[in-house]
Amino acid sequence: MRVYISGAVTGTEDYKERFAEAEKILSERGYEVVNPVKEMEQFADDSWLDIMNRCLLLLDTCDRVYFMSGWSKSRGACMEFGYAVGKGMMQI
């Protein structure tokens, strides 16, 4: 089962550590984890919207989504939430 991690990135300093910790925990539970922070590193110079479009494409390849604490304060995570709900994805 592929799980996408969603959470706040913009405006936070510890996002890499938080996403890595979530990835570790989910991997230990047996999930195949998609960490968008790692996946988007190569696109760091792209616009926010271009990165979000790529994140939604990644989310589309997953079976479930994991929303980290504080996700609802993130515009990008809210977009991912809306997409996941529209797609009928289960949250873990």
PDB file of N, CA and C in Angstrom:
ATOM      1  N   MET A   1       0.843  -1.175   0.000  1.00  0.00           N
ATOM      2  CA  MET A   1       0.000   0.000   0.000  1.00  0.00           C
ATOM      3  C   MET A   1       0.894   1.244   0.000  1.00  0.00           C
ATOM      4  N   ARG A   2       0.673   2.131  -0.962  1.00  0.00           N
ATOM      5  CA  ARG A   2       1.437   3.380  -1.076  1.00  0.00           C
ATOM      6  C   ARG A   2       0.731   4.494  -0.309  1.00  0.00           C
ATOM      7  N   VAL A   3       1.508   5.178   0.516  1.00  0.00           N
ATOM      8  CA  VAL A   3       0.967   6.265   1.341  1.00  0.00           C
ATOM      9  C   VAL A   3       1.738   7.548   1.049  1.00  0.00           C
ATOM     10  N   TYR A   4       0.998   8.611   0.823  1.00  0.00           N
ATOM     11  CA  TYR A   4       1.551   9.941   0.567  1.00  0.00           C
ATOM     12  C   TYR A   4       1.535  10.737   1.867  1.00  0.00           C
ATOM     13  N   ILE A   5       2.628  11.416   2.168  1.00  0.00           N
ATOM     14  CA  ILE A   5       2.699  12.255   3.370  1.00  0.00           C
ATOM     15  C   ILE A   5       2.326  13.686   2.994  1.00  0.00           C
ATOM     16  N   SER A   6       1.419  14.270   3.735  1.00  0.00           N
ATOM     17  CA  SER A   6       1.009  15.650   3.514  1.00  0.00           C
ATOM     18  C   SER A   6       1.206  16.455   4.794  1.00  0.00           C
ATOM     19  N   GLY A   7       1.695  17.677   4.640  1.00  0.00           N
ATOM     20  CA  GLY A   7       1.897  18.538   5.793  1.00  0.00           C
ATOM     21  C   GLY A   7       2.459  19.882   5.378  1.00  0.00           C
ATOM     22  N   ALA A   8       2.626  20.747   6.347  1.00  0.00           N
ATOM     23  CA  ALA A   8       3.122  22.099   6.090  1.00  0.00           C
ATOM     24  C   ALA A   8       4.608  22.079   5.732  1.00  0.00           C
ATOM     25  N   VAL A   9       4.954  22.840   4.709  1.00  0.00           N
ATOM     26  CA  VAL A   9       6.345  23.026   4.298  1.00  0.00           C
ATOM     27  C   VAL A   9       6.685  24.509   4.348  1.00  0.00           C
ATOM     28  N   THR A  10       5.973  25.300   3.562  1.00  0.00           N
ATOM     29  CA  THR A  10       6.225  26.733   3.486  1.00  0.00           C
ATOM     30  C   THR A  10       6.041  27.380   4.855  1.00  0.00           C
ATOM     31  N   GLY A  11       7.016  28.182   5.237  1.00  0.00           N
ATOM     32  CA  GLY A  11       6.934  28.895   6.504  1.00  0.00           C
ATOM     33  C   GLY A  11       7.369  28.082   7.708  1.00  0.00           C
ATOM     34  N   THR A  12       7.894  26.882   7.478  1.00  0.00           N
ATOM     35  CA  THR A  12       8.391  26.062   8.577  1.00  0.00           C
ATOM     36  C   THR A  12       9.867  25.762   8.339  1.00  0.00           C
ATOM     37  N   GLU A  13      10.614  25.652   9.402  1.00  0.00           N
ATOM     38  CA  GLU A  13      12.049  25.398   9.273  1.00  0.00           C
ATOM     39  C   GLU A  13      12.402  23.927   9.424  1.00  0.00           C
ATOM     40  N   ASP A  14      11.555  23.167  10.096  1.00  0.00           N
ATOM     41  CA  ASP A  14      11.879  21.774  10.390  1.00  0.00           C
ATOM     42  C   ASP A  14      11.109  20.776   9.522  1.00  0.00           C
ATOM     43  N   TYR A  15      10.615  21.233   8.379  1.00  0.00           N
ATOM     44  CA  TYR A  15       9.770  20.356   7.574  1.00  0.00           C
ATOM     45  C   TYR A  15      10.500  19.101   7.092  1.00  0.00           C
ATOM     46  N   LYS A  16      11.778  19.201   6.748  1.00  0.00           N
ATOM     47  CA  LYS A  16      12.505  18.013   6.275  1.00  0.00           C
ATOM     48  C   LYS A  16      12.567  16.953   7.363  1.00  0.00           C
ATOM     49  N   GLU A  17      12.826  17.383   8.581  1.00  0.00           N
ATOM     50  CA  GLU A  17      12.896  16.451   9.710  1.00  0.00           C
ATOM     51  C   GLU A  17      11.527  15.837  10.009  1.00  0.00           C
ATOM     52  N   ARG A  18      10.480  16.652   9.975  1.00  0.00           N
ATOM     53  CA  ARG A  18       9.137  16.146  10.261  1.00  0.00           C
ATOM     54  C   ARG A  18       8.680  15.139   9.208  1.00  0.00           C
ATOM     55  N   PHE A  19       8.941  15.443   7.942  1.00  0.00           N
ATOM     56  CA  PHE A  19       8.559  14.521   6.871  1.00  0.00           C
ATOM     57  C   PHE A  19       9.377  13.236   6.953  1.00  0.00           C
ATOM     58  N   ALA A  20      10.671  13.351   7.275  1.00  0.00           N
ATOM     59  CA  ALA A  20      11.532  12.166   7.405  1.00  0.00           C
ATOM     60  C   ALA A  20      11.055  11.282   8.553  1.00  0.00           C
ATOM     61  N   GLU A  21      10.657  11.878   9.658  1.00  0.00           N
ATOM     62  CA  GLU A  21      10.164  11.110  10.799  1.00  0.00           C
ATOM     63  C   GLU A  21       8.865  10.391  10.445  1.00  0.00           C
ATOM     64  N   ALA A  22       7.963  11.087   9.753  1.00  0.00           N
ATOM     65  CA  ALA A  22       6.710  10.449   9.329  1.00  0.00           C
ATOM     66  C   ALA A  22       7.005   9.304   8.360  1.00  0.00           C
ATOM     67  N   GLU A  23       7.951   9.513   7.460  1.00  0.00           N
ATOM     68  CA  GLU A  23       8.330   8.465   6.516  1.00  0.00           C
ATOM     69  C   GLU A  23       8.862   7.233   7.257  1.00  0.00           C
ATOM     70  N   LYS A  24       9.687   7.462   8.234  1.00  0.00           N
ATOM     71  CA  LYS A  24      10.262   6.366   9.017  1.00  0.00           C
ATOM     72  C   LYS A  24       9.173   5.563   9.733  1.00  0.00           C
ATOM     73  N   ILE A  25       8.273   6.262  10.382  1.00  0.00           N
ATOM     74  CA  ILE A  25       7.197   5.606  11.131  1.00  0.00           C
ATOM     75  C   ILE A  25       6.301   4.797  10.194  1.00  0.00           C
ATOM     76  N   LEU A  26       5.909   5.406   9.084  1.00  0.00           N
ATOM     77  CA  LEU A  26       5.027   4.719   8.144  1.00  0.00           C
ATOM     78  C   LEU A  26       5.721   3.528   7.497  1.00  0.00           C
ATOM     79  N   SER A  27       6.994   3.677   7.176  1.00  0.00           N
ATOM     80  CA  SER A  27       7.764   2.562   6.602  1.00  0.00           C
ATOM     81  C   SER A  27       7.840   1.400   7.577  1.00  0.00           C
ATOM     82  N   GLU A  28       8.055   1.719   8.850  1.00  0.00           N
ATOM     83  CA  GLU A  28       8.118   0.674   9.883  1.00  0.00           C
ATOM     84  C   GLU A  28       6.789  -0.062  10.034  1.00  0.00           C
ATOM     85  N   ARG A  29       5.711   0.599   9.660  1.00  0.00           N
ATOM     86  CA  ARG A  29       4.384  -0.031   9.707  1.00  0.00           C
ATOM     87  C   ARG A  29       4.100  -0.845   8.444  1.00  0.00           C
ATOM     88  N   GLY A  30       5.060  -0.866   7.518  1.00  0.00           N
ATOM     89  CA  GLY A  30       4.933  -1.691   6.331  1.00  0.00           C
ATOM     90  C   GLY A  30       4.410  -0.999   5.089  1.00  0.00           C
ATOM     91  N   TYR A  31       4.254   0.309   5.152  1.00  0.00           N
ATOM     92  CA  TYR A  31       3.771   1.041   3.987  1.00  0.00           C
ATOM     93  C   TYR A  31       4.914   1.396   3.037  1.00  0.00           C
ATOM     94  N   GLU A  32       4.589   1.485   1.754  1.00  0.00           N
ATOM     95  CA  GLU A  32       5.493   2.083   0.779  1.00  0.00           C
ATOM     96  C   GLU A  32       5.190   3.575   0.834  1.00  0.00           C
ATOM     97  N   VAL A  33       6.159   4.387   1.219  1.00  0.00           N
ATOM     98  CA  VAL A  33       5.903   5.786   1.542  1.00  0.00           C
ATOM     99  C   VAL A  33       6.387   6.710   0.427  1.00  0.00           C
ATOM    100  N   VAL A  34       5.550   7.677   0.098  1.00  0.00           N
ATOM    101  CA  VAL A  34       5.920   8.736  -0.833  1.00  0.00           C
ATOM    102  C   VAL A  34       6.100  10.006  -0.012  1.00  0.00           C
ATOM    103  N   ASN A  35       7.344  10.460   0.053  1.00  0.00           N
ATOM    104  CA  ASN A  35       7.694  11.677   0.779  1.00  0.00           C
ATOM    105  C   ASN A  35       7.889  12.785  -0.249  1.00  0.00           C
ATOM    106  N   PRO A  36       6.903  13.685  -0.405  1.00  0.00           N
ATOM    107  CA  PRO A  36       7.009  14.712  -1.441  1.00  0.00           C
ATOM    108  C   PRO A  36       8.173  15.676  -1.232  1.00  0.00           C
ATOM    109  N   VAL A  37       8.615  15.857  -0.007  1.00  0.00           N
ATOM    110  CA  VAL A  37       9.753  16.742   0.253  1.00  0.00           C
ATOM    111  C   VAL A  37      10.992  16.200  -0.461  1.00  0.00           C
ATOM    112  N   LYS A  38      11.218  14.904  -0.337  1.00  0.00           N
ATOM    113  CA  LYS A  38      12.361  14.291  -1.013  1.00  0.00           C
ATOM    114  C   LYS A  38      12.178  14.305  -2.530  1.00  0.00           C
ATOM    115  N   GLU A  39      10.965  14.010  -2.966  1.00  0.00           N
ATOM    116  CA  GLU A  39      10.678  13.925  -4.401  1.00  0.00           C
ATOM    117  C   GLU A  39      10.802  15.288  -5.098  1.00  0.00           C
ATOM    118  N   MET A  40      10.538  16.364  -4.377  1.00  0.00           N
ATOM    119  CA  MET A  40      10.516  17.697  -4.988  1.00  0.00           C
ATOM    120  C   MET A  40      11.830  18.455  -4.855  1.00  0.00           C
ATOM    121  N   GLU A  41      12.825  17.878  -4.198  1.00  0.00           N
ATOM    122  CA  GLU A  41      14.108  18.575  -4.023  1.00  0.00           C
ATOM    123  C   GLU A  41      14.708  19.024  -5.349  1.00  0.00           C
ATOM    124  N   GLN A  42      14.574  18.203  -6.365  1.00  0.00           N
ATOM    125  CA  GLN A  42      15.149  18.539  -7.661  1.00  0.00           C
ATOM    126  C   GLN A  42      14.424  19.689  -8.355  1.00  0.00           C
ATOM    127  N   PHE A  43      13.240  20.044  -7.864  1.00  0.00           N
ATOM    128  CA  PHE A  43      12.449  21.123  -8.452  1.00  0.00           C
ATOM    129  C   PHE A  43      12.403  22.367  -7.568  1.00  0.00           C
ATOM    130  N   ALA A  44      13.351  22.492  -6.667  1.00  0.00           N
ATOM    131  CA  ALA A  44      13.340  23.568  -5.661  1.00  0.00           C
ATOM    132  C   ALA A  44      13.250  24.965  -6.266  1.00  0.00           C
ATOM    133  N   ASP A  45      13.738  25.147  -7.481  1.00  0.00           N
ATOM    134  CA  ASP A  45      13.709  26.473  -8.107  1.00  0.00           C
ATOM    135  C   ASP A  45      12.424  26.739  -8.883  1.00  0.00           C
ATOM    136  N   ASP A  46      11.551  25.756  -8.959  1.00  0.00           N
ATOM    137  CA  ASP A  46      10.283  25.938  -9.672  1.00  0.00           C
ATOM    138  C   ASP A  46       9.309  26.748  -8.823  1.00  0.00           C
ATOM    139  N   SER A  47       8.257  27.205  -9.454  1.00  0.00           N
ATOM    140  CA  SER A  47       7.243  27.971  -8.731  1.00  0.00           C
ATOM    141  C   SER A  47       6.475  27.060  -7.775  1.00  0.00           C
ATOM    142  N   TRP A  48       5.876  27.665  -6.774  1.00  0.00           N
ATOM    143  CA  TRP A  48       5.075  26.922  -5.808  1.00  0.00           C
ATOM    144  C   TRP A  48       3.979  26.130  -6.520  1.00  0.00           C
ATOM    145  N   LEU A  49       3.313  26.767  -7.479  1.00  0.00           N
ATOM    146  CA  LEU A  49       2.210  26.101  -8.180  1.00  0.00           C
ATOM    147  C   LEU A  49       2.705  24.914  -9.003  1.00  0.00           C
ATOM    148  N   ASP A  50       3.836  25.056  -9.662  1.00  0.00           N
ATOM    149  CA  ASP A  50       4.393  23.930 -10.420  1.00  0.00           C
ATOM    150  C   ASP A  50       4.727  22.766  -9.493  1.00  0.00           C
ATOM    151  N   ILE A  51       5.299  23.074  -8.346  1.00  0.00           N
ATOM    152  CA  ILE A  51       5.625  22.024  -7.370  1.00  0.00           C
ATOM    153  C   ILE A  51       4.351  21.359  -6.865  1.00  0.00           C
ATOM    154  N   MET A  52       3.331  22.140  -6.573  1.00  0.00           N
ATOM    155  CA  MET A  52       2.069  21.575  -6.090  1.00  0.00           C
ATOM    156  C   MET A  52       1.431  20.687  -7.156  1.00  0.00           C
ATOM    157  N   ASN A  53       1.507  21.094  -8.399  1.00  0.00           N
ATOM    158  CA  ASN A  53       0.963  20.245  -9.467  1.00  0.00           C
ATOM    159  C   ASN A  53       1.694  18.905  -9.511  1.00  0.00           C
ATOM    160  N   ARG A  54       3.002  18.931  -9.339  1.00  0.00           N
ATOM    161  CA  ARG A  54       3.772  17.682  -9.295  1.00  0.00           C
ATOM    162  C   ARG A  54       3.389  16.845  -8.064  1.00  0.00           C
ATOM    163  N   CYS A  55       3.157  17.527  -6.936  1.00  0.00           N
ATOM    164  CA  CYS A  55       2.750  16.815  -5.721  1.00  0.00           C
ATOM    165  C   CYS A  55       1.401  16.122  -5.925  1.00  0.00           C
ATOM    166  N   LEU A  56       0.486  16.786  -6.596  1.00  0.00           N
ATOM    167  CA  LEU A  56      -0.819  16.165  -6.848  1.00  0.00           C
ATOM    168  C   LEU A  56      -0.676  14.956  -7.765  1.00  0.00           C
ATOM    169  N   LEU A  57       0.237  15.016  -8.717  1.00  0.00           N
ATOM    170  CA  LEU A  57       0.499  13.855  -9.566  1.00  0.00           C
ATOM    171  C   LEU A  57       1.046  12.693  -8.733  1.00  0.00           C
ATOM    172  N   LEU A  58       1.935  13.005  -7.792  1.00  0.00           N
ATOM    173  CA  LEU A  58       2.454  11.970  -6.886  1.00  0.00           C
ATOM    174  C   LEU A  58       1.341  11.397  -6.017  1.00  0.00           C
ATOM    175  N   LEU A  59       0.519  12.274  -5.483  1.00  0.00           N
ATOM    176  CA  LEU A  59      -0.596  11.843  -4.637  1.00  0.00           C
ATOM    177  C   LEU A  59      -1.504  10.888  -5.410  1.00  0.00           C
ATOM    178  N   ASP A  60      -1.667  11.151  -6.685  1.00  0.00           N
ATOM    179  CA  ASP A  60      -2.531  10.325  -7.522  1.00  0.00           C
ATOM    180  C   ASP A  60      -2.005   8.897  -7.669  1.00  0.00           C
ATOM    181  N   THR A  61      -0.728   8.676  -7.406  1.00  0.00           N
ATOM    182  CA  THR A  61      -0.139   7.334  -7.523  1.00  0.00           C
ATOM    183  C   THR A  61      -0.272   6.535  -6.227  1.00  0.00           C
ATOM    184  N   CYS A  62      -0.869   7.135  -5.216  1.00  0.00           N
ATOM    185  CA  CYS A  62      -0.934   6.510  -3.890  1.00  0.00           C
ATOM    186  C   CYS A  62      -2.327   5.964  -3.590  1.00  0.00           C
ATOM    187  N   ASP A  63      -2.361   5.050  -2.631  1.00  0.00           N
ATOM    188  CA  ASP A  63      -3.626   4.445  -2.200  1.00  0.00           C
ATOM    189  C   ASP A  63      -4.254   5.190  -1.028  1.00  0.00           C
ATOM    190  N   ARG A  64      -3.381   5.748  -0.178  1.00  0.00           N
ATOM    191  CA  ARG A  64      -3.842   6.449   1.021  1.00  0.00           C
ATOM    192  C   ARG A  64      -2.986   7.683   1.249  1.00  0.00           C
ATOM    193  N   VAL A  65      -3.436   8.500   2.186  1.00  0.00           N
ATOM    194  CA  VAL A  65      -2.701   9.719   2.504  1.00  0.00           C
ATOM    195  C   VAL A  65      -2.615   9.870   4.021  1.00  0.00           C
ATOM    196  N   TYR A  66      -1.465  10.366   4.464  1.00  0.00           N
ATOM    197  CA  TYR A  66      -1.234  10.619   5.880  1.00  0.00           C
ATOM    198  C   TYR A  66      -1.043  12.121   6.054  1.00  0.00           C
ATOM    199  N   PHE A  67      -1.919  12.743   6.842  1.00  0.00           N
ATOM    200  CA  PHE A  67      -1.835  14.176   7.113  1.00  0.00           C
ATOM    201  C   PHE A  67      -1.159  14.389   8.462  1.00  0.00           C
ATOM    202  N   MET A  68      -0.022  15.075   8.434  1.00  0.00           N
ATOM    203  CA  MET A  68       0.702  15.365   9.666  1.00  0.00           C
ATOM    204  C   MET A  68      -0.003  16.457  10.451  1.00  0.00           C
ATOM    205  N   SER A  69       0.284  16.502  11.726  1.00  0.00           N
ATOM    206  CA  SER A  69      -0.271  17.519  12.605  1.00  0.00           C
ATOM    207  C   SER A  69      -0.013  18.916  12.026  1.00  0.00           C
ATOM    208  N   GLY A  70      -1.017  19.759  12.062  1.00  0.00           N
ATOM    209  CA  GLY A  70      -0.897  21.130  11.572  1.00  0.00           C
ATOM    210  C   GLY A  70      -1.107  21.295  10.079  1.00  0.00           C
ATOM    211  N   TRP A  71      -1.472  20.226   9.394  1.00  0.00           N
ATOM    212  CA  TRP A  71      -1.615  20.283   7.941  1.00  0.00           C
ATOM    213  C   TRP A  71      -2.644  21.312   7.497  1.00  0.00           C
ATOM    214  N   SER A  72      -3.687  21.521   8.279  1.00  0.00           N
ATOM    215  CA  SER A  72      -4.779  22.402   7.844  1.00  0.00           C
ATOM    216  C   SER A  72      -4.378  23.871   7.780  1.00  0.00           C
ATOM    217  N   LYS A  73      -3.199  24.215   8.303  1.00  0.00           N
ATOM    218  CA  LYS A  73      -2.702  25.594   8.216  1.00  0.00           C
ATOM    219  C   LYS A  73      -1.880  25.816   6.953  1.00  0.00           C
ATOM    220  N   SER A  74      -1.715  24.763   6.169  1.00  0.00           N
ATOM    221  CA  SER A  74      -0.904  24.817   4.956  1.00  0.00           C
ATOM    222  C   SER A  74      -1.802  24.868   3.720  1.00  0.00           C
ATOM    223  N   ARG A  75      -1.603  25.868   2.893  1.00  0.00           N
ATOM    224  CA  ARG A  75      -2.395  25.996   1.668  1.00  0.00           C
ATOM    225  C   ARG A  75      -2.189  24.777   0.773  1.00  0.00           C
ATOM    226  N   GLY A  76      -0.939  24.314   0.644  1.00  0.00           N
ATOM    227  CA  GLY A  76      -0.659  23.155  -0.196  1.00  0.00           C
ATOM    228  C   GLY A  76      -1.279  21.883   0.336  1.00  0.00           C
ATOM    229  N   ALA A  77      -1.170  21.657   1.640  1.00  0.00           N
ATOM    230  CA  ALA A  77      -1.770  20.467   2.240  1.00  0.00           C
ATOM    231  C   ALA A  77      -3.293  20.509   2.119  1.00  0.00           C
ATOM    232  N   CYS A  78      -3.867  21.699   2.194  1.00  0.00           N
ATOM    233  CA  CYS A  78      -5.320  21.821   2.002  1.00  0.00           C
ATOM    234  C   CYS A  78      -5.710  21.448   0.566  1.00  0.00           C
ATOM    235  N   MET A  79      -4.881  21.815  -0.399  1.00  0.00           N
ATOM    236  CA  MET A  79      -5.114  21.396  -1.783  1.00  0.00           C
ATOM    237  C   MET A  79      -5.053  19.875  -1.879  1.00  0.00           C
ATOM    238  N   GLU A  80      -4.058  19.288  -1.229  1.00  0.00           N
ATOM    239  CA  GLU A  80      -3.910  17.834  -1.252  1.00  0.00           C
ATOM    240  C   GLU A  80      -5.103  17.163  -0.576  1.00  0.00           C
ATOM    241  N   PHE A  81      -5.585  17.751   0.506  1.00  0.00           N
ATOM    242  CA  PHE A  81      -6.751  17.218   1.201  1.00  0.00           C
ATOM    243  C   PHE A  81      -7.961  17.210   0.268  1.00  0.00           C
ATOM    244  N   GLY A  82      -8.206  18.340  -0.387  1.00  0.00           N
ATOM    245  CA  GLY A  82      -9.330  18.429  -1.310  1.00  0.00           C
ATOM    246  C   GLY A  82      -9.240  17.406  -2.431  1.00  0.00           C
ATOM    247  N   TYR A  83      -8.045  17.232  -2.958  1.00  0.00           N
ATOM    248  CA  TYR A  83      -7.830  16.258  -4.018  1.00  0.00           C
ATOM    249  C   TYR A  83      -8.086  14.844  -3.499  1.00  0.00           C
ATOM    250  N   ALA A  84      -7.554  14.539  -2.324  1.00  0.00           N
ATOM    251  CA  ALA A  84      -7.714  13.215  -1.732  1.00  0.00           C
ATOM    252  C   ALA A  84      -9.195  12.920  -1.444  1.00  0.00           C
ATOM    253  N   VAL A  85      -9.913  13.892  -0.917  1.00  0.00           N
ATOM    254  CA  VAL A  85     -11.333  13.709  -0.640  1.00  0.00           C
ATOM    255  C   VAL A  85     -12.089  13.479  -1.955  1.00  0.00           C
ATOM    256  N   GLY A  86     -11.767  14.299  -2.964  1.00  0.00           N
ATOM    257  CA  GLY A  86     -12.426  14.149  -4.264  1.00  0.00           C
ATOM    258  C   GLY A  86     -12.176  12.801  -4.897  1.00  0.00           C
ATOM    259  N   LYS A  87     -11.026  12.244  -4.626  1.00  0.00           N
ATOM    260  CA  LYS A  87     -10.648  10.943  -5.169  1.00  0.00           C
ATOM    261  C   LYS A  87     -11.158   9.787  -4.292  1.00  0.00           C
ATOM    262  N   GLY A  88     -11.653  10.108  -3.112  1.00  0.00           N
ATOM    263  CA  GLY A  88     -12.153   9.087  -2.204  1.00  0.00           C
ATOM    264  C   GLY A  88     -11.053   8.306  -1.506  1.00  0.00           C
ATOM    265  N   MET A  89      -9.899   8.935  -1.334  1.00  0.00           N
ATOM    266  CA  MET A  89      -8.768   8.270  -0.687  1.00  0.00           C
ATOM    267  C   MET A  89      -8.993   8.153   0.809  1.00  0.00           C
ATOM    268  N   MET A  90      -8.562   7.028   1.364  1.00  0.00           N
ATOM    269  CA  MET A  90      -8.617   6.827   2.807  1.00  0.00           C
ATOM    270  C   MET A  90      -7.427   7.538   3.454  1.00  0.00           C
ATOM    271  N   GLN A  91      -7.652   8.064   4.642  1.00  0.00           N
ATOM    272  CA  GLN A  91      -6.570   8.673   5.415  1.00  0.00           C
ATOM    273  C   GLN A  91      -6.101   7.687   6.481  1.00  0.00           C
ATOM    274  N   ILE A  92      -4.809   7.761   6.785  1.00  0.00           N
ATOM    275  CA  ILE A  92      -4.310   6.939   7.882  1.00  0.00           C
ATOM    276  C   ILE A  92      -3.705   7.850   8.927  1.00  0.00           C
TER     277      ILE A  92
END
